Amino acid sequence: MNTLQFHRDNDEVVYTFHLDGTYNDRPRWRREDKNIVVVYIDHIGWCVLDEEENQVSWPFPETRDTDATMPPLGKWLSWKKGKSYVYTLSKVN
């Protein structure tokens, strides 16, 4: 899974992330237009880190798997600057 996409559920915004090395011995994906990454953090699981390394998005509880080797596909919740959005994570290839 080299490319992931987050599709925002309330409009047509799509963010594309490409495989970009590792973080905590697991794959890391970087957004193609900003330094925003999907990573695995011990005791937290998969999340999205913004440019300041703040956690800003997580998979819905029913899709979380802290032992997973890849971020879970499906619904994720983001939170930044007082706004929240629901995204659907899917693989491109």
PDB file of N, CA and C in Angstrom:
ATOM      1  N   MET A   1       0.854  -1.171   0.000  1.00  0.00           N
ATOM      2  CA  MET A   1       0.000   0.000   0.000  1.00  0.00           C
ATOM      3  C   MET A   1       0.901   1.234   0.000  1.00  0.00           C
ATOM      4  N   ASN A   2       1.212   1.736  -1.192  1.00  0.00           N
ATOM      5  CA  ASN A   2       2.124   2.872  -1.315  1.00  0.00           C
ATOM      6  C   ASN A   2       1.434   4.224  -1.213  1.00  0.00           C
ATOM      7  N   THR A   3       0.145   4.285  -1.550  1.00  0.00           N
ATOM      8  CA  THR A   3      -0.577   5.551  -1.539  1.00  0.00           C
ATOM      9  C   THR A   3      -1.901   5.388  -0.812  1.00  0.00           C
ATOM     10  N   LEU A   4      -2.190   6.350   0.071  1.00  0.00           N
ATOM     11  CA  LEU A   4      -3.442   6.392   0.818  1.00  0.00           C
ATOM     12  C   LEU A   4      -4.151   7.697   0.494  1.00  0.00           C
ATOM     13  N   GLN A   5      -5.477   7.683   0.603  1.00  0.00           N
ATOM     14  CA  GLN A   5      -6.243   8.911   0.432  1.00  0.00           C
ATOM     15  C   GLN A   5      -7.262   9.044   1.548  1.00  0.00           C
ATOM     16  N   PHE A   6      -7.340  10.262   2.088  1.00  0.00           N
ATOM     17  CA  PHE A   6      -8.387  10.622   3.041  1.00  0.00           C
ATOM     18  C   PHE A   6      -9.427  11.428   2.265  1.00  0.00           C
ATOM     19  N   HIS A   7     -10.661  10.924   2.230  1.00  0.00           N
ATOM     20  CA  HIS A   7     -11.776  11.604   1.574  1.00  0.00           C
ATOM     21  C   HIS A   7     -12.653  12.207   2.665  1.00  0.00           C
ATOM     22  N   ARG A   8     -12.776  13.536   2.652  1.00  0.00           N
ATOM     23  CA  ARG A   8     -13.613  14.185   3.667  1.00  0.00           C
ATOM     24  C   ARG A   8     -15.077  13.924   3.327  1.00  0.00           C
ATOM     25  N   ASP A   9     -15.834  13.447   4.309  1.00  0.00           N
ATOM     26  CA  ASP A   9     -17.189  12.976   4.056  1.00  0.00           C
ATOM     27  C   ASP A   9     -18.195  14.068   3.716  1.00  0.00           C
ATOM     28  N   ASN A  10     -18.001  15.302   4.169  1.00  0.00           N
ATOM     29  CA  ASN A  10     -19.018  16.329   3.955  1.00  0.00           C
ATOM     30  C   ASN A  10     -18.811  17.159   2.689  1.00  0.00           C
ATOM     31  N   ASP A  11     -17.729  16.927   1.961  1.00  0.00           N
ATOM     32  CA  ASP A  11     -17.506  17.634   0.696  1.00  0.00           C
ATOM     33  C   ASP A  11     -16.592  16.768  -0.173  1.00  0.00           C
ATOM     34  N   GLU A  12     -15.988  17.326  -1.165  1.00  0.00           N
ATOM     35  CA  GLU A  12     -15.190  16.522  -2.086  1.00  0.00           C
ATOM     36  C   GLU A  12     -13.685  16.678  -1.885  1.00  0.00           C
ATOM     37  N   VAL A  13     -13.261  17.126  -0.722  1.00  0.00           N
ATOM     38  CA  VAL A  13     -11.838  17.294  -0.446  1.00  0.00           C
ATOM     39  C   VAL A  13     -11.185  15.921  -0.292  1.00  0.00           C
ATOM     40  N   VAL A  14     -10.040  15.752  -0.972  1.00  0.00           N
ATOM     41  CA  VAL A  14      -9.270  14.513  -0.889  1.00  0.00           C
ATOM     42  C   VAL A  14      -7.815  14.881  -0.622  1.00  0.00           C
ATOM     43  N   TYR A  15      -7.223  14.232   0.370  1.00  0.00           N
ATOM     44  CA  TYR A  15      -5.801  14.408   0.665  1.00  0.00           C
ATOM     45  C   TYR A  15      -5.091  13.097   0.348  1.00  0.00           C
ATOM     46  N   THR A  16      -4.006  13.203  -0.417  1.00  0.00           N
ATOM     47  CA  THR A  16      -3.257  12.027  -0.835  1.00  0.00           C
ATOM     48  C   THR A  16      -1.943  11.957  -0.074  1.00  0.00           C
ATOM     49  N   PHE A  17      -1.628  10.771   0.426  1.00  0.00           N
ATOM     50  CA  PHE A  17      -0.411  10.508   1.193  1.00  0.00           C
ATOM     51  C   PHE A  17       0.371   9.399   0.501  1.00  0.00           C
ATOM     52  N   HIS A  18       1.696   9.582   0.412  1.00  0.00           N
ATOM     53  CA  HIS A  18       2.566   8.590  -0.212  1.00  0.00           C
ATOM     54  C   HIS A  18       3.502   7.988   0.835  1.00  0.00           C
ATOM     55  N   LEU A  19       3.782   6.709   0.669  1.00  0.00           N
ATOM     56  CA  LEU A  19       4.710   6.020   1.556  1.00  0.00           C
ATOM     57  C   LEU A  19       6.026   6.782   1.591  1.00  0.00           C
ATOM     58  N   ASP A  20       6.542   7.023   2.807  1.00  0.00           N
ATOM     59  CA  ASP A  20       7.718   7.883   2.969  1.00  0.00           C
ATOM     60  C   ASP A  20       8.548   7.423   4.165  1.00  0.00           C
ATOM     61  N   GLY A  21       9.161   6.261   4.052  1.00  0.00           N
ATOM     62  CA  GLY A  21      10.047   5.794   5.108  1.00  0.00           C
ATOM     63  C   GLY A  21       9.305   5.150   6.258  1.00  0.00           C
ATOM     64  N   THR A  22       9.917   5.238   7.453  1.00  0.00           N
ATOM     65  CA  THR A  22       9.335   4.617   8.636  1.00  0.00           C
ATOM     66  C   THR A  22       9.329   5.583   9.813  1.00  0.00           C
ATOM     67  N   TYR A  23       8.525   5.225  10.815  1.00  0.00           N
ATOM     68  CA  TYR A  23       8.406   5.963  12.074  1.00  0.00           C
ATOM     69  C   TYR A  23       8.061   4.904  13.117  1.00  0.00           C
ATOM     70  N   ASN A  24       8.839   4.799  14.179  1.00  0.00           N
ATOM     71  CA  ASN A  24       8.629   3.755  15.192  1.00  0.00           C
ATOM     72  C   ASN A  24       8.607   2.354  14.570  1.00  0.00           C
ATOM     73  N   ASP A  25       9.488   2.123  13.622  1.00  0.00           N
ATOM     74  CA  ASP A  25       9.615   0.818  12.960  1.00  0.00           C
ATOM     75  C   ASP A  25       8.372   0.393  12.182  1.00  0.00           C
ATOM     76  N   ARG A  26       7.551   1.329  11.803  1.00  0.00           N
ATOM     77  CA  ARG A  26       6.369   1.041  10.984  1.00  0.00           C
ATOM     78  C   ARG A  26       6.348   2.009   9.814  1.00  0.00           C
ATOM     79  N   PRO A  27       5.611   1.663   8.763  1.00  0.00           N
ATOM     80  CA  PRO A  27       5.556   2.569   7.605  1.00  0.00           C
ATOM     81  C   PRO A  27       5.012   3.946   7.980  1.00  0.00           C
ATOM     82  N   ARG A  28       5.471   4.957   7.262  1.00  0.00           N
ATOM     83  CA  ARG A  28       4.987   6.335   7.436  1.00  0.00           C
ATOM     84  C   ARG A  28       4.541   6.837   6.064  1.00  0.00           C
ATOM     85  N   TRP A  29       3.428   7.561   6.022  1.00  0.00           N
ATOM     86  CA  TRP A  29       2.947   8.188   4.798  1.00  0.00           C
ATOM     87  C   TRP A  29       2.954   9.691   4.982  1.00  0.00           C
ATOM     88  N   ARG A  30       3.403  10.424   3.949  1.00  0.00           N
ATOM     89  CA  ARG A  30       3.470  11.889   3.997  1.00  0.00           C
ATOM     90  C   ARG A  30       2.486  12.466   2.974  1.00  0.00           C
ATOM     91  N   ARG A  31       1.750  13.488   3.415  1.00  0.00           N
ATOM     92  CA  ARG A  31       0.807  14.155   2.507  1.00  0.00           C
ATOM     93  C   ARG A  31       1.582  14.820   1.374  1.00  0.00           C
ATOM     94  N   GLU A  32       1.048  14.750   0.176  1.00  0.00           N
ATOM     95  CA  GLU A  32       1.816  15.206  -0.978  1.00  0.00           C
ATOM     96  C   GLU A  32       1.998  16.719  -1.054  1.00  0.00           C
ATOM     97  N   ASP A  33       1.189  17.503  -0.338  1.00  0.00           N
ATOM     98  CA  ASP A  33       1.300  18.958  -0.435  1.00  0.00           C
ATOM     99  C   ASP A  33       1.768  19.637   0.856  1.00  0.00           C
ATOM    100  N   LYS A  34       1.926  18.875   1.955  1.00  0.00           N
ATOM    101  CA  LYS A  34       2.361  19.457   3.231  1.00  0.00           C
ATOM    102  C   LYS A  34       3.128  18.413   4.025  1.00  0.00           C
ATOM    103  N   ASN A  35       3.811  18.875   5.047  1.00  0.00           N
ATOM    104  CA  ASN A  35       4.555  17.964   5.919  1.00  0.00           C
ATOM    105  C   ASN A  35       3.629  17.432   7.018  1.00  0.00           C
ATOM    106  N   ILE A  36       2.618  16.693   6.596  1.00  0.00           N
ATOM    107  CA  ILE A  36       1.652  16.051   7.481  1.00  0.00           C
ATOM    108  C   ILE A  36       1.777  14.565   7.241  1.00  0.00           C
ATOM    109  N   VAL A  37       1.847  13.773   8.326  1.00  0.00           N
ATOM    110  CA  VAL A  37       2.153  12.354   8.177  1.00  0.00           C
ATOM    111  C   VAL A  37       1.154  11.459   8.904  1.00  0.00           C
ATOM    112  N   VAL A  38       0.993  10.246   8.388  1.00  0.00           N
ATOM    113  CA  VAL A  38       0.251   9.177   9.060  1.00  0.00           C
ATOM    114  C   VAL A  38       1.301   8.268   9.678  1.00  0.00           C
ATOM    115  N   VAL A  39       1.236   8.096  10.997  1.00  0.00           N
ATOM    116  CA  VAL A  39       2.255   7.327  11.714  1.00  0.00           C
ATOM    117  C   VAL A  39       1.616   6.461  12.794  1.00  0.00           C
ATOM    118  N   TYR A  40       2.410   5.542  13.315  1.00  0.00           N
ATOM    119  CA  TYR A  40       2.011   4.724  14.457  1.00  0.00           C
ATOM    120  C   TYR A  40       2.786   5.207  15.678  1.00  0.00           C
ATOM    121  N   ILE A  41       2.072   5.453  16.786  1.00  0.00           N
ATOM    122  CA  ILE A  41       2.698   5.872  18.037  1.00  0.00           C
ATOM    123  C   ILE A  41       2.372   4.824  19.093  1.00  0.00           C
ATOM    124  N   ASP A  42       3.404   4.329  19.770  1.00  0.00           N
ATOM    125  CA  ASP A  42       3.199   3.324  20.814  1.00  0.00           C
ATOM    126  C   ASP A  42       2.171   3.795  21.831  1.00  0.00           C
ATOM    127  N   HIS A  43       1.324   2.920  22.274  1.00  0.00           N
ATOM    128  CA  HIS A  43       0.282   3.140  23.282  1.00  0.00           C
ATOM    129  C   HIS A  43      -0.832   4.059  22.798  1.00  0.00           C
ATOM    130  N   ILE A  44      -0.756   4.525  21.559  1.00  0.00           N
ATOM    131  CA  ILE A  44      -1.817   5.354  20.982  1.00  0.00           C
ATOM    132  C   ILE A  44      -2.384   4.681  19.738  1.00  0.00           C
ATOM    133  N   GLY A  45      -1.488   4.173  18.910  1.00  0.00           N
ATOM    134  CA  GLY A  45      -1.903   3.558  17.652  1.00  0.00           C
ATOM    135  C   GLY A  45      -1.667   4.506  16.488  1.00  0.00           C
ATOM    136  N   TRP A  46      -2.401   4.283  15.418  1.00  0.00           N
ATOM    137  CA  TRP A  46      -2.252   5.083  14.209  1.00  0.00           C
ATOM    138  C   TRP A  46      -2.897   6.439  14.383  1.00  0.00           C
ATOM    139  N   CYS A  47      -2.244   7.477  13.849  1.00  0.00           N
ATOM    140  CA  CYS A  47      -2.798   8.831  13.899  1.00  0.00           C
ATOM    141  C   CYS A  47      -2.139   9.670  12.812  1.00  0.00           C
ATOM    142  N   VAL A  48      -2.664  10.862  12.648  1.00  0.00           N
ATOM    143  CA  VAL A  48      -2.085  11.846  11.731  1.00  0.00           C
ATOM    144  C   VAL A  48      -1.437  12.925  12.584  1.00  0.00           C
ATOM    145  N   LEU A  49      -0.200  13.289  12.228  1.00  0.00           N
ATOM    146  CA  LEU A  49       0.512  14.377  12.893  1.00  0.00           C
ATOM    147  C   LEU A  49       0.581  15.562  11.950  1.00  0.00           C
ATOM    148  N   ASP A  50       0.284  16.756  12.475  1.00  0.00           N
ATOM    149  CA  ASP A  50       0.403  17.955  11.644  1.00  0.00           C
ATOM    150  C   ASP A  50       1.858  18.414  11.579  1.00  0.00           C
ATOM    151  N   GLU A  51       2.078  19.564  10.980  1.00  0.00           N
ATOM    152  CA  GLU A  51       3.439  20.060  10.782  1.00  0.00           C
ATOM    153  C   GLU A  51       4.171  20.356  12.086  1.00  0.00           C
ATOM    154  N   GLU A  52       3.428  20.573  13.174  1.00  0.00           N
ATOM    155  CA  GLU A  52       4.035  20.807  14.491  1.00  0.00           C
ATOM    156  C   GLU A  52       4.085  19.516  15.323  1.00  0.00           C
ATOM    157  N   GLU A  53       3.759  18.402  14.698  1.00  0.00           N
ATOM    158  CA  GLU A  53       3.736  17.069  15.321  1.00  0.00           C
ATOM    159  C   GLU A  53       2.636  16.909  16.368  1.00  0.00           C
ATOM    160  N   ASN A  54       1.560  17.693  16.236  1.00  0.00           N
ATOM    161  CA  ASN A  54       0.370  17.507  17.060  1.00  0.00           C
ATOM    162  C   ASN A  54      -0.465  16.391  16.453  1.00  0.00           C
ATOM    163  N   GLN A  55      -1.057  15.557  17.297  1.00  0.00           N
ATOM    164  CA  GLN A  55      -1.975  14.531  16.803  1.00  0.00           C
ATOM    165  C   GLN A  55      -3.279  15.216  16.415  1.00  0.00           C
ATOM    166  N   VAL A  56      -3.704  15.046  15.165  1.00  0.00           N
ATOM    167  CA  VAL A  56      -4.895  15.750  14.684  1.00  0.00           C
ATOM    168  C   VAL A  56      -5.958  14.831  14.086  1.00  0.00           C
ATOM    169  N   SER A  57      -5.676  13.545  13.931  1.00  0.00           N
ATOM    170  CA  SER A  57      -6.672  12.635  13.375  1.00  0.00           C
ATOM    171  C   SER A  57      -6.393  11.217  13.836  1.00  0.00           C
ATOM    172  N   TRP A  58      -7.501  10.461  14.074  1.00  0.00           N
ATOM    173  CA  TRP A  58      -7.401   9.095  14.574  1.00  0.00           C
ATOM    174  C   TRP A  58      -8.499   8.260  13.938  1.00  0.00           C
ATOM    175  N   PRO A  59      -8.266   6.955  13.817  1.00  0.00           N
ATOM    176  CA  PRO A  59      -9.348   6.097  13.325  1.00  0.00           C
ATOM    177  C   PRO A  59     -10.472   6.019  14.356  1.00  0.00           C
ATOM    178  N   PHE A  60     -11.703   5.820  13.880  1.00  0.00           N
ATOM    179  CA  PHE A  60     -12.828   5.602  14.786  1.00  0.00           C
ATOM    180  C   PHE A  60     -12.509   4.409  15.679  1.00  0.00           C
ATOM    181  N   PRO A  61     -13.003   4.399  16.912  1.00  0.00           N
ATOM    182  CA  PRO A  61     -12.684   3.307  17.843  1.00  0.00           C
ATOM    183  C   PRO A  61     -12.953   1.909  17.284  1.00  0.00           C
ATOM    184  N   GLU A  62     -14.027   1.754  16.522  1.00  0.00           N
ATOM    185  CA  GLU A  62     -14.344   0.423  16.012  1.00  0.00           C
ATOM    186  C   GLU A  62     -13.366  -0.071  14.942  1.00  0.00           C
ATOM    187  N   THR A  63     -12.544   0.820  14.395  1.00  0.00           N
ATOM    188  CA  THR A  63     -11.554   0.387  13.404  1.00  0.00           C
ATOM    189  C   THR A  63     -10.133   0.399  13.958  1.00  0.00           C
ATOM    190  N   ARG A  64      -9.948   0.858  15.193  1.00  0.00           N
ATOM    191  CA  ARG A  64      -8.606   0.917  15.782  1.00  0.00           C
ATOM    192  C   ARG A  64      -8.064  -0.462  16.068  1.00  0.00           C
ATOM    193  N   ASP A  65      -6.774  -0.608  15.829  1.00  0.00           N
ATOM    194  CA  ASP A  65      -6.077  -1.848  16.166  1.00  0.00           C
ATOM    195  C   ASP A  65      -4.643  -1.450  16.479  1.00  0.00           C
ATOM    196  N   THR A  66      -4.293  -1.351  17.756  1.00  0.00           N
ATOM    197  CA  THR A  66      -2.970  -0.872  18.138  1.00  0.00           C
ATOM    198  C   THR A  66      -1.855  -1.834  17.746  1.00  0.00           C
ATOM    199  N   ASP A  67      -2.200  -3.056  17.338  1.00  0.00           N
ATOM    200  CA  ASP A  67      -1.188  -4.009  16.905  1.00  0.00           C
ATOM    201  C   ASP A  67      -1.079  -4.089  15.389  1.00  0.00           C
ATOM    202  N   ALA A  68      -1.847  -3.321  14.678  1.00  0.00           N
ATOM    203  CA  ALA A  68      -1.868  -3.380  13.219  1.00  0.00           C
ATOM    204  C   ALA A  68      -0.545  -2.913  12.624  1.00  0.00           C
ATOM    205  N   THR A  69      -0.178  -3.499  11.530  1.00  0.00           N
ATOM    206  CA  THR A  69       1.042  -3.098  10.837  1.00  0.00           C
ATOM    207  C   THR A  69       0.770  -2.025   9.792  1.00  0.00           C
ATOM    208  N   MET A  70      -0.488  -1.714   9.544  1.00  0.00           N
ATOM    209  CA  MET A  70      -0.886  -0.681   8.592  1.00  0.00           C
ATOM    210  C   MET A  70      -2.027   0.124   9.205  1.00  0.00           C
ATOM    211  N   PRO A  71      -2.173   1.397   8.816  1.00  0.00           N
ATOM    212  CA  PRO A  71      -3.296   2.172   9.355  1.00  0.00           C
ATOM    213  C   PRO A  71      -4.618   1.554   8.890  1.00  0.00           C
ATOM    214  N   PRO A  72      -5.616   1.535   9.766  1.00  0.00           N
ATOM    215  CA  PRO A  72      -6.885   0.913   9.388  1.00  0.00           C
ATOM    216  C   PRO A  72      -7.649   1.741   8.361  1.00  0.00           C
ATOM    217  N   LEU A  73      -8.153   1.066   7.360  1.00  0.00           N
ATOM    218  CA  LEU A  73      -8.992   1.723   6.362  1.00  0.00           C
ATOM    219  C   LEU A  73     -10.360   1.973   6.980  1.00  0.00           C
ATOM    220  N   GLY A  74     -11.067   2.958   6.473  1.00  0.00           N
ATOM    221  CA  GLY A  74     -12.392   3.275   6.998  1.00  0.00           C
ATOM    222  C   GLY A  74     -12.432   4.662   7.604  1.00  0.00           C
ATOM    223  N   LYS A  75     -13.320   4.862   8.542  1.00  0.00           N
ATOM    224  CA  LYS A  75     -13.604   6.186   9.116  1.00  0.00           C
ATOM    225  C   LYS A  75     -12.537   6.654  10.097  1.00  0.00           C
ATOM    226  N   TRP A  76     -12.153   7.912   9.938  1.00  0.00           N
ATOM    227  CA  TRP A  76     -11.225   8.601  10.845  1.00  0.00           C
ATOM    228  C   TRP A  76     -11.858   9.931  11.232  1.00  0.00           C
ATOM    229  N   LEU A  77     -11.513  10.410  12.430  1.00  0.00           N
ATOM    230  CA  LEU A  77     -11.984  11.702  12.921  1.00  0.00           C
ATOM    231  C   LEU A  77     -10.795  12.643  13.037  1.00  0.00           C
ATOM    232  N   SER A  78     -10.949  13.855  12.515  1.00  0.00           N
ATOM    233  CA  SER A  78      -9.882  14.857  12.663  1.00  0.00           C
ATOM    234  C   SER A  78     -10.376  15.981  13.555  1.00  0.00           C
ATOM    235  N   TRP A  79      -9.408  16.644  14.191  1.00  0.00           N
ATOM    236  CA  TRP A  79      -9.722  17.778  15.067  1.00  0.00           C
ATOM    237  C   TRP A  79      -8.577  18.762  14.991  1.00  0.00           C
ATOM    238  N   LYS A  80      -8.877  19.987  14.561  1.00  0.00           N
ATOM    239  CA  LYS A  80      -7.849  21.018  14.503  1.00  0.00           C
ATOM    240  C   LYS A  80      -8.520  22.380  14.518  1.00  0.00           C
ATOM    241  N   LYS A  81      -7.996  23.247  15.369  1.00  0.00           N
ATOM    242  CA  LYS A  81      -8.475  24.625  15.470  1.00  0.00           C
ATOM    243  C   LYS A  81      -9.982  24.703  15.693  1.00  0.00           C
ATOM    244  N   GLY A  82     -10.494  23.839  16.579  1.00  0.00           N
ATOM    245  CA  GLY A  82     -11.897  23.906  16.946  1.00  0.00           C
ATOM    246  C   GLY A  82     -12.880  23.291  15.973  1.00  0.00           C
ATOM    247  N   LYS A  83     -12.395  22.642  14.929  1.00  0.00           N
ATOM    248  CA  LYS A  83     -13.282  22.008  13.953  1.00  0.00           C
ATOM    249  C   LYS A  83     -12.976  20.525  13.869  1.00  0.00           C
ATOM    250  N   SER A  84     -14.023  19.744  13.664  1.00  0.00           N
ATOM    251  CA  SER A  84     -13.812  18.312  13.466  1.00  0.00           C
ATOM    252  C   SER A  84     -14.437  17.894  12.140  1.00  0.00           C
ATOM    253  N   TYR A  85     -13.817  16.889  11.531  1.00  0.00           N
ATOM    254  CA  TYR A  85     -14.276  16.354  10.260  1.00  0.00           C
ATOM    255  C   TYR A  85     -14.176  14.837  10.305  1.00  0.00           C
ATOM    256  N   VAL A  86     -15.028  14.185   9.536  1.00  0.00           N
ATOM    257  CA  VAL A  86     -14.949  12.746   9.361  1.00  0.00           C
ATOM    258  C   VAL A  86     -14.385  12.486   7.971  1.00  0.00           C
ATOM    259  N   TYR A  87     -13.389  11.617   7.935  1.00  0.00           N
ATOM    260  CA  TYR A  87     -12.755  11.215   6.681  1.00  0.00           C
ATOM    261  C   TYR A  87     -12.892   9.709   6.516  1.00  0.00           C
ATOM    262  N   THR A  88     -12.822   9.264   5.268  1.00  0.00           N
ATOM    263  CA  THR A  88     -12.729   7.842   4.973  1.00  0.00           C
ATOM    264  C   THR A  88     -11.351   7.594   4.377  1.00  0.00           C
ATOM    265  N   LEU A  89     -10.578   6.739   5.032  1.00  0.00           N
ATOM    266  CA  LEU A  89      -9.243   6.390   4.545  1.00  0.00           C
ATOM    267  C   LEU A  89      -9.359   5.191   3.607  1.00  0.00           C
ATOM    268  N   SER A  90      -8.751   5.321   2.431  1.00  0.00           N
ATOM    269  CA  SER A  90      -8.739   4.226   1.463  1.00  0.00           C
ATOM    270  C   SER A  90      -7.354   4.117   0.841  1.00  0.00           C
ATOM    271  N   LYS A  91      -7.060   2.937   0.295  1.00  0.00           N
ATOM    272  CA  LYS A  91      -5.795   2.765  -0.394  1.00  0.00           C
ATOM    273  C   LYS A  91      -6.001   2.995  -1.871  1.00  0.00           C
ATOM    274  N   VAL A  92      -4.960   3.519  -2.516  1.00  0.00           N
ATOM    275  CA  VAL A  92      -5.038   3.810  -3.937  1.00  0.00           C
ATOM    276  C   VAL A  92      -4.447   2.656  -4.733  1.00  0.00           C
ATOM    277  N   ASN A  93      -3.360   2.053  -4.232  1.00  0.00           N
ATOM    278  CA  ASN A  93      -2.747   0.913  -4.930  1.00  0.00           C
ATOM    279  C   ASN A  93      -2.222  -0.090  -3.948  1.00  0.00           C
TER     280      ASN A  93
END
